[in-house]
Protein backbone atom coordinates (compact mmCIF):
# COMPACT_ATOMS: atom_id res chain seq x y z
CA MET A 1 99.61 101.88 94.65
CA ASP A 2 96.57 103.27 92.81
CA SER A 3 94.59 100.60 91.08
CA SER A 4 94.02 103.01 87.98
CA TRP A 5 95.94 102.46 84.85
CA CYS A 6 96.31 104.53 81.79
CA THR A 7 97.34 103.92 78.18
CA THR A 8 99.00 107.24 77.04
CA ALA A 9 101.92 109.10 78.32
CA MET A 10 99.64 112.27 78.71
CA ASP A 11 97.22 110.29 81.00
CA ARG A 12 99.92 108.89 83.18
CA GLY A 13 101.79 112.31 83.47
CA MET A 14 105.54 112.75 83.83
CA PHE A 15 105.39 114.60 87.02
CA CYS A 16 104.09 113.62 90.63
CA SER A 17 100.78 115.00 91.59
CA VAL A 18 101.89 115.52 94.98
CA CYS A 19 105.36 117.12 94.94
CA ARG A 20 105.60 117.88 91.09
CA GLY A 21 108.86 115.82 91.06
CA ARG A 22 109.66 113.83 87.87
CA ARG A 23 108.24 110.37 88.11
CA ILE A 24 110.36 107.35 87.11
CA GLN A 25 109.24 104.11 85.28
CA ASP A 26 109.58 100.81 86.85
CA THR A 27 108.37 97.21 86.35
CA SER A 28 106.57 95.07 89.00
CA TRP A 29 107.76 91.63 89.63
CA THR A 30 105.40 90.53 92.30
CA ASP A 31 103.16 87.50 91.96
CA ARG A 32 100.10 89.85 91.63
CA ASN A 33 101.73 92.10 88.98
CA PRO A 34 104.44 90.37 87.18
CA GLY A 35 106.06 92.35 84.38
CA ARG A 36 103.59 95.14 84.70
CA ARG A 37 105.05 98.61 84.19
CA TYR A 38 104.29 101.73 86.26
CA VAL A 39 105.49 105.24 86.76
CA LYS A 40 106.15 106.46 90.53
CA CYS A 41 107.57 109.33 92.30
CA PRO A 42 111.12 108.72 93.81
CA ASN A 43 110.12 110.64 96.81
CA ILE A 44 109.10 108.01 99.27
CA VAL A 45 106.98 110.45 101.27
CA CYS A 46 104.62 111.08 98.20
CA ASP A 47 103.67 107.35 97.61
CA ASP A 48 102.50 108.52 93.95
CA SER A 49 102.34 105.84 91.35
CA VAL A 50 100.25 105.11 88.33
CA TRP A 51 100.11 101.82 86.40
CA ILE A 52 100.98 102.00 82.77
CA ASP A 53 100.01 98.68 81.59
CA PRO A 54 96.54 97.19 82.20
CA PRO A 55 96.01 94.22 84.75
CA MET A 56 97.06 90.83 83.39
CA CYS A 57 94.40 87.86 83.25
CA ALA A 58 94.96 85.17 85.72
CA ARG A 59 96.43 82.76 83.25
CA SER A 60 99.06 85.40 82.11
CA LYS A 61 100.08 85.80 85.81
CA GLN A 62 100.46 81.96 86.13
CA ILE A 63 102.52 81.64 83.02
CA MET A 64 104.66 84.49 83.98
CA SER A 65 105.28 83.19 87.46
CA GLY A 66 106.21 79.72 85.94
CA LEU A 67 108.75 81.50 83.46
CA LEU A 68 110.27 83.57 86.27
CA THR A 69 110.69 80.50 88.64
CA ARG A 70 112.57 78.56 85.74
CA ILE A 71 114.86 81.52 84.84
CA ASN A 72 115.68 81.87 88.54
CA LYS A 73 116.42 78.28 88.85
CA ALA A 74 118.53 78.22 85.85
CA GLU A 75 120.52 81.24 86.89
CA GLY A 76 121.09 79.55 90.17
CA GLU A 77 122.41 76.55 88.56
CA ILE A 78 124.82 78.45 86.29
CA GLU A 79 126.10 80.24 89.37
CA THR A 80 126.55 77.21 91.32
CA SER A 81 128.42 75.85 88.25
CA ARG A 82 130.78 78.66 88.17
CA LEU A 83 131.66 78.47 91.84
CA ASN A 84 132.37 74.77 91.51
CA GLU A 85 134.71 75.66 88.41
CA ARG A 86 136.77 78.04 90.52
CA LYS A 87 137.74 75.40 93.06
């Protein structure tokens, strides 16, 4: 993914620079870019994407990662409880 990012809709563009298809907005949930939004071309061949949000500082990434871990753990425990109730 391109390392550039932009702050306005005009900068990021709504259309792919390669195939001119309409880009879609998505959110990254990787450890390197948790919660960071970007637009991408749905055509896998183009591999055209642009960040919407600026990069997060290291502390923000650490906090976001911890919160996501807690949420995933809580959701897993809820699902386990539901399965046990059905038995």
